[in-house]
Amino acid sequence: MSRAVLQLWGWPLAIFLVSATGLASALVADGWGDAWSWFALAVPVAVSGWCAWPRRPRQQSTERR
């Protein structure tokens, strides 16, 4: 893959892979698979919440360094 494609699609692809393994684990596994599916399916929710969280703009410093 080219560097530009990986920079653009790297994180969405990683989130997809974690979510897909979580869905498959929830359907077929038991025990540790349940724990993995909970974690894996919480990752997209946590990432979405982090991205949607409002942030304050940075204060411009008047001092020179």
PDB file of N, CA and C in Angstrom:
ATOM      1  N   MET A   1       0.845  -1.192   0.000  1.00  0.00           N
ATOM      2  CA  MET A   1       0.000   0.000   0.000  1.00  0.00           C
ATOM      3  C   MET A   1       0.879   1.240   0.000  1.00  0.00           C
ATOM      4  N   SER A   2       0.366   2.269  -0.619  1.00  0.00           N
ATOM      5  CA  SER A   2       1.135   3.502  -0.605  1.00  0.00           C
ATOM      6  C   SER A   2       0.978   4.201   0.741  1.00  0.00           C
ATOM      7  N   ARG A   3       1.898   5.069   1.030  1.00  0.00           N
ATOM      8  CA  ARG A   3       1.907   5.765   2.318  1.00  0.00           C
ATOM      9  C   ARG A   3       0.655   6.644   2.492  1.00  0.00           C
ATOM     10  N   ALA A   4       0.231   7.318   1.427  1.00  0.00           N
ATOM     11  CA  ALA A   4      -0.937   8.191   1.512  1.00  0.00           C
ATOM     12  C   ALA A   4      -2.208   7.400   1.811  1.00  0.00           C
ATOM     13  N   VAL A   5      -2.343   6.244   1.178  1.00  0.00           N
ATOM     14  CA  VAL A   5      -3.516   5.402   1.419  1.00  0.00           C
ATOM     15  C   VAL A   5      -3.514   4.902   2.855  1.00  0.00           C
ATOM     16  N   LEU A   6      -2.360   4.498   3.335  1.00  0.00           N
ATOM     17  CA  LEU A   6      -2.264   4.000   4.708  1.00  0.00           C
ATOM     18  C   LEU A   6      -2.524   5.107   5.727  1.00  0.00           C
ATOM     19  N   GLN A   7      -2.059   6.320   5.444  1.00  0.00           N
ATOM     20  CA  GLN A   7      -2.329   7.436   6.351  1.00  0.00           C
ATOM     21  C   GLN A   7      -3.814   7.749   6.410  1.00  0.00           C
ATOM     22  N   LEU A   8      -4.493   7.649   5.284  1.00  0.00           N
ATOM     23  CA  LEU A   8      -5.912   7.964   5.236  1.00  0.00           C
ATOM     24  C   LEU A   8      -6.772   6.851   5.819  1.00  0.00           C
ATOM     25  N   TRP A   9      -6.469   5.606   5.479  1.00  0.00           N
ATOM     26  CA  TRP A   9      -7.338   4.491   5.836  1.00  0.00           C
ATOM     27  C   TRP A   9      -6.783   3.594   6.929  1.00  0.00           C
ATOM     28  N   GLY A  10      -5.649   3.926   7.522  1.00  0.00           N
ATOM     29  CA  GLY A  10      -5.039   3.061   8.533  1.00  0.00           C
ATOM     30  C   GLY A  10      -5.900   2.862   9.768  1.00  0.00           C
ATOM     31  N   TRP A  11      -6.302   3.950  10.401  1.00  0.00           N
ATOM     32  CA  TRP A  11      -7.115   3.834  11.616  1.00  0.00           C
ATOM     33  C   TRP A  11      -8.507   3.281  11.345  1.00  0.00           C
ATOM     34  N   PRO A  12      -9.211   3.724  10.300  1.00  0.00           N
ATOM     35  CA  PRO A  12     -10.513   3.091  10.023  1.00  0.00           C
ATOM     36  C   PRO A  12     -10.396   1.594   9.758  1.00  0.00           C
ATOM     37  N   LEU A  13      -9.328   1.182   9.085  1.00  0.00           N
ATOM     38  CA  LEU A  13      -9.132  -0.245   8.839  1.00  0.00           C
ATOM     39  C   LEU A  13      -8.873  -1.005  10.136  1.00  0.00           C
ATOM     40  N   ALA A  14      -8.075  -0.424  11.020  1.00  0.00           N
ATOM     41  CA  ALA A  14      -7.801  -1.066  12.313  1.00  0.00           C
ATOM     42  C   ALA A  14      -9.080  -1.187  13.139  1.00  0.00           C
ATOM     43  N   ILE A  15      -9.891  -0.138  13.155  1.00  0.00           N
ATOM     44  CA  ILE A  15     -11.158  -0.186  13.897  1.00  0.00           C
ATOM     45  C   ILE A  15     -12.083  -1.236  13.290  1.00  0.00           C
ATOM     46  N   PHE A  16     -12.106  -1.324  11.952  1.00  0.00           N
ATOM     47  CA  PHE A  16     -12.912  -2.348  11.283  1.00  0.00           C
ATOM     48  C   PHE A  16     -12.469  -3.750  11.684  1.00  0.00           C
ATOM     49  N   LEU A  17     -11.165  -3.998  11.674  1.00  0.00           N
ATOM     50  CA  LEU A  17     -10.665  -5.336  12.006  1.00  0.00           C
ATOM     51  C   LEU A  17     -10.989  -5.720  13.444  1.00  0.00           C
ATOM     52  N   VAL A  18     -10.829  -4.778  14.370  1.00  0.00           N
ATOM     53  CA  VAL A  18     -11.159  -5.058  15.772  1.00  0.00           C
ATOM     54  C   VAL A  18     -12.656  -5.321  15.908  1.00  0.00           C
ATOM     55  N   SER A  19     -13.483  -4.523  15.247  1.00  0.00           N
ATOM     56  CA  SER A  19     -14.937  -4.702  15.311  1.00  0.00           C
ATOM     57  C   SER A  19     -15.362  -6.031  14.691  1.00  0.00           C
ATOM     58  N   ALA A  20     -14.773  -6.381  13.552  1.00  0.00           N
ATOM     59  CA  ALA A  20     -15.130  -7.633  12.881  1.00  0.00           C
ATOM     60  C   ALA A  20     -14.765  -8.846  13.727  1.00  0.00           C
ATOM     61  N   THR A  21     -13.589  -8.815  14.357  1.00  0.00           N
ATOM     62  CA  THR A  21     -13.225  -9.940  15.219  1.00  0.00           C
ATOM     63  C   THR A  21     -14.126  -9.983  16.451  1.00  0.00           C
ATOM     64  N   GLY A  22     -14.543  -8.823  16.940  1.00  0.00           N
ATOM     65  CA  GLY A  22     -15.466  -8.786  18.068  1.00  0.00           C
ATOM     66  C   GLY A  22     -16.825  -9.355  17.716  1.00  0.00           C
ATOM     67  N   LEU A  23     -17.323  -9.022  16.527  1.00  0.00           N
ATOM     68  CA  LEU A  23     -18.609  -9.574  16.092  1.00  0.00           C
ATOM     69  C   LEU A  23     -18.531 -11.084  15.906  1.00  0.00           C
ATOM     70  N   ALA A  24     -17.474 -11.551  15.257  1.00  0.00           N
ATOM     71  CA  ALA A  24     -17.313 -12.991  15.059  1.00  0.00           C
ATOM     72  C   ALA A  24     -17.165 -13.708  16.392  1.00  0.00           C
ATOM     73  N   SER A  25     -16.409 -13.114  17.295  1.00  0.00           N
ATOM     74  CA  SER A  25     -16.218 -13.714  18.613  1.00  0.00           C
ATOM     75  C   SER A  25     -17.525 -13.769  19.396  1.00  0.00           C
ATOM     76  N   ALA A  26     -18.334 -12.752  19.271  1.00  0.00           N
ATOM     77  CA  ALA A  26     -19.622 -12.735  19.975  1.00  0.00           C
ATOM     78  C   ALA A  26     -20.544 -13.833  19.449  1.00  0.00           C
ATOM     79  N   LEU A  27     -20.415 -14.153  18.167  1.00  0.00           N
ATOM     80  CA  LEU A  27     -21.296 -15.162  17.581  1.00  0.00           C
ATOM     81  C   LEU A  27     -20.853 -16.584  17.867  1.00  0.00           C
ATOM     82  N   VAL A  28     -19.560 -16.859  17.912  1.00  0.00           N
ATOM     83  CA  VAL A  28     -19.105 -18.246  17.970  1.00  0.00           C
ATOM     84  C   VAL A  28     -18.364 -18.630  19.247  1.00  0.00           C
ATOM     85  N   ALA A  29     -17.814 -17.684  19.974  1.00  0.00           N
ATOM     86  CA  ALA A  29     -16.976 -18.029  21.126  1.00  0.00           C
ATOM     87  C   ALA A  29     -17.758 -17.904  22.430  1.00  0.00           C
ATOM     88  N   ASP A  30     -17.187 -18.515  23.443  1.00  0.00           N
ATOM     89  CA  ASP A  30     -17.766 -18.423  24.776  1.00  0.00           C
ATOM     90  C   ASP A  30     -16.613 -18.222  25.758  1.00  0.00           C
ATOM     91  N   GLY A  31     -16.896 -17.637  26.915  1.00  0.00           N
ATOM     92  CA  GLY A  31     -15.848 -17.401  27.903  1.00  0.00           C
ATOM     93  C   GLY A  31     -15.008 -16.206  27.528  1.00  0.00           C
ATOM     94  N   TRP A  32     -13.723 -16.475  27.126  1.00  0.00           N
ATOM     95  CA  TRP A  32     -12.829 -15.371  26.768  1.00  0.00           C
ATOM     96  C   TRP A  32     -13.365 -14.614  25.557  1.00  0.00           C
ATOM     97  N   GLY A  33     -14.092 -15.305  24.687  1.00  0.00           N
ATOM     98  CA  GLY A  33     -14.663 -14.666  23.504  1.00  0.00           C
ATOM     99  C   GLY A  33     -15.688 -13.614  23.859  1.00  0.00           C
ATOM    100  N   ASP A  34     -16.425 -13.852  24.927  1.00  0.00           N
ATOM    101  CA  ASP A  34     -17.385 -12.851  25.381  1.00  0.00           C
ATOM    102  C   ASP A  34     -16.673 -11.583  25.850  1.00  0.00           C
ATOM    103  N   ALA A  35     -15.590 -11.773  26.582  1.00  0.00           N
ATOM    104  CA  ALA A  35     -14.823 -10.613  27.056  1.00  0.00           C
ATOM    105  C   ALA A  35     -14.210  -9.855  25.882  1.00  0.00           C
ATOM    106  N   TRP A  36     -13.653 -10.600  24.907  1.00  0.00           N
ATOM    107  CA  TRP A  36     -13.076  -9.937  23.726  1.00  0.00           C
ATOM    108  C   TRP A  36     -14.141  -9.184  22.946  1.00  0.00           C
ATOM    109  N   SER A  37     -15.322  -9.797  22.788  1.00  0.00           N
ATOM    110  CA  SER A  37     -16.367  -9.139  22.010  1.00  0.00           C
ATOM    111  C   SER A  37     -16.827  -7.853  22.690  1.00  0.00           C
ATOM    112  N   TRP A  38     -16.932  -7.853  24.000  1.00  0.00           N
ATOM    113  CA  TRP A  38     -17.303  -6.628  24.715  1.00  0.00           C
ATOM    114  C   TRP A  38     -16.262  -5.540  24.484  1.00  0.00           C
ATOM    115  N   PHE A  39     -15.006  -5.904  24.617  1.00  0.00           N
ATOM    116  CA  PHE A  39     -13.934  -4.927  24.411  1.00  0.00           C
ATOM    117  C   PHE A  39     -13.910  -4.441  22.974  1.00  0.00           C
ATOM    118  N   ALA A  40     -13.935  -5.383  22.025  1.00  0.00           N
ATOM    119  CA  ALA A  40     -13.802  -5.036  20.613  1.00  0.00           C
ATOM    120  C   ALA A  40     -14.972  -4.194  20.124  1.00  0.00           C
ATOM    121  N   LEU A  41     -16.164  -4.464  20.614  1.00  0.00           N
ATOM    122  CA  LEU A  41     -17.322  -3.688  20.183  1.00  0.00           C
ATOM    123  C   LEU A  41     -17.429  -2.360  20.916  1.00  0.00           C
ATOM    124  N   ALA A  42     -16.702  -2.207  22.013  1.00  0.00           N
ATOM    125  CA  ALA A  42     -16.680  -0.917  22.716  1.00  0.00           C
ATOM    126  C   ALA A  42     -15.667   0.046  22.097  1.00  0.00           C
ATOM    127  N   VAL A  43     -14.709  -0.477  21.344  1.00  0.00           N
ATOM    128  CA  VAL A  43     -13.678   0.379  20.741  1.00  0.00           C
ATOM    129  C   VAL A  43     -14.271   1.438  19.812  1.00  0.00           C
ATOM    130  N   PRO A  44     -15.147   1.088  18.854  1.00  0.00           N
ATOM    131  CA  PRO A  44     -15.705   2.138  17.992  1.00  0.00           C
ATOM    132  C   PRO A  44     -16.547   3.153  18.760  1.00  0.00           C
ATOM    133  N   VAL A  45     -17.234   2.700  19.793  1.00  0.00           N
ATOM    134  CA  VAL A  45     -18.024   3.623  20.614  1.00  0.00           C
ATOM    135  C   VAL A  45     -17.109   4.597  21.340  1.00  0.00           C
ATOM    136  N   ALA A  46     -16.018   4.088  21.903  1.00  0.00           N
ATOM    137  CA  ALA A  46     -15.072   4.948  22.613  1.00  0.00           C
ATOM    138  C   ALA A  46     -14.386   5.928  21.665  1.00  0.00           C
ATOM    139  N   VAL A  47     -14.009   5.473  20.489  1.00  0.00           N
ATOM    140  CA  VAL A  47     -13.358   6.354  19.516  1.00  0.00           C
ATOM    141  C   VAL A  47     -14.327   7.443  19.061  1.00  0.00           C
ATOM    142  N   SER A  48     -15.571   7.067  18.798  1.00  0.00           N
ATOM    143  CA  SER A  48     -16.577   8.057  18.392  1.00  0.00           C
ATOM    144  C   SER A  48     -16.822   9.076  19.488  1.00  0.00           C
ATOM    145  N   GLY A  49     -16.911   8.612  20.721  1.00  0.00           N
ATOM    146  CA  GLY A  49     -17.097   9.533  21.841  1.00  0.00           C
ATOM    147  C   GLY A  49     -15.930  10.469  22.020  1.00  0.00           C
ATOM    148  N   TRP A  50     -14.720   9.949  21.856  1.00  0.00           N
ATOM    149  CA  TRP A  50     -13.526  10.791  21.988  1.00  0.00           C
ATOM    150  C   TRP A  50     -13.487  11.854  20.899  1.00  0.00           C
ATOM    151  N   CYS A  51     -13.843  11.467  19.678  1.00  0.00           N
ATOM    152  CA  CYS A  51     -13.827  12.429  18.562  1.00  0.00           C
ATOM    153  C   CYS A  51     -14.945  13.457  18.680  1.00  0.00           C
ATOM    154  N   ALA A  52     -16.059  13.078  19.285  1.00  0.00           N
ATOM    155  CA  ALA A  52     -17.195  13.990  19.394  1.00  0.00           C
ATOM    156  C   ALA A  52     -17.114  14.898  20.617  1.00  0.00           C
ATOM    157  N   TRP A  53     -16.195  14.600  21.539  1.00  0.00           N
ATOM    158  CA  TRP A  53     -16.091  15.386  22.764  1.00  0.00           C
ATOM    159  C   TRP A  53     -15.680  16.822  22.425  1.00  0.00           C
ATOM    160  N   PRO A  54     -16.426  17.828  22.909  1.00  0.00           N
ATOM    161  CA  PRO A  54     -16.054  19.207  22.575  1.00  0.00           C
ATOM    162  C   PRO A  54     -14.731  19.602  23.230  1.00  0.00           C
ATOM    163  N   ARG A  55     -13.952  20.341  22.499  1.00  0.00           N
ATOM    164  CA  ARG A  55     -12.655  20.795  23.002  1.00  0.00           C
ATOM    165  C   ARG A  55     -12.615  22.310  22.995  1.00  0.00           C
ATOM    166  N   ARG A  56     -11.899  22.836  23.958  1.00  0.00           N
ATOM    167  CA  ARG A  56     -11.694  24.282  23.996  1.00  0.00           C
ATOM    168  C   ARG A  56     -10.572  24.649  23.039  1.00  0.00           C
ATOM    169  N   PRO A  57     -10.702  25.770  22.355  1.00  0.00           N
ATOM    170  CA  PRO A  57      -9.582  26.181  21.500  1.00  0.00           C
ATOM    171  C   PRO A  57      -8.367  26.530  22.346  1.00  0.00           C
ATOM    172  N   ARG A  58      -7.209  26.309  21.805  1.00  0.00           N
ATOM    173  CA  ARG A  58      -5.976  26.605  22.536  1.00  0.00           C
ATOM    174  C   ARG A  58      -5.812  28.110  22.693  1.00  0.00           C
ATOM    175  N   GLN A  59      -5.324  28.499  23.846  1.00  0.00           N
ATOM    176  CA  GLN A  59      -5.043  29.909  24.110  1.00  0.00           C
ATOM    177  C   GLN A  59      -3.717  30.284  23.456  1.00  0.00           C
ATOM    178  N   GLN A  60      -3.710  31.415  22.787  1.00  0.00           N
ATOM    179  CA  GLN A  60      -2.471  31.896  22.192  1.00  0.00           C
ATOM    180  C   GLN A  60      -1.631  32.577  23.274  1.00  0.00           C
ATOM    181  N   SER A  61      -0.411  32.177  23.405  1.00  0.00           N
ATOM    182  CA  SER A  61       0.478  32.742  24.398  1.00  0.00           C
ATOM    183  C   SER A  61       1.040  34.065  23.864  1.00  0.00           C
ATOM    184  N   THR A  62       1.094  35.062  24.742  1.00  0.00           N
ATOM    185  CA  THR A  62       1.654  36.358  24.344  1.00  0.00           C
ATOM    186  C   THR A  62       3.150  36.422  24.601  1.00  0.00           C
ATOM    187  N   GLU A  63       3.669  35.443  25.321  1.00  0.00           N
ATOM    188  CA  GLU A  63       5.095  35.425  25.627  1.00  0.00           C
ATOM    189  C   GLU A  63       5.869  34.799  24.477  1.00  0.00           C
ATOM    190  N   ARG A  64       7.070  35.316  24.264  1.00  0.00           N
ATOM    191  CA  ARG A  64       7.953  34.701  23.269  1.00  0.00           C
ATOM    192  C   ARG A  64       8.875  33.721  23.970  1.00  0.00           C
ATOM    193  N   ARG A  65       9.174  32.672  23.306  1.00  0.00           N
ATOM    194  CA  ARG A  65      10.066  31.683  23.905  1.00  0.00           C
ATOM    195  C   ARG A  65      11.418  31.797  23.350  1.00  0.00           C
TER     196      ARG A  65
END
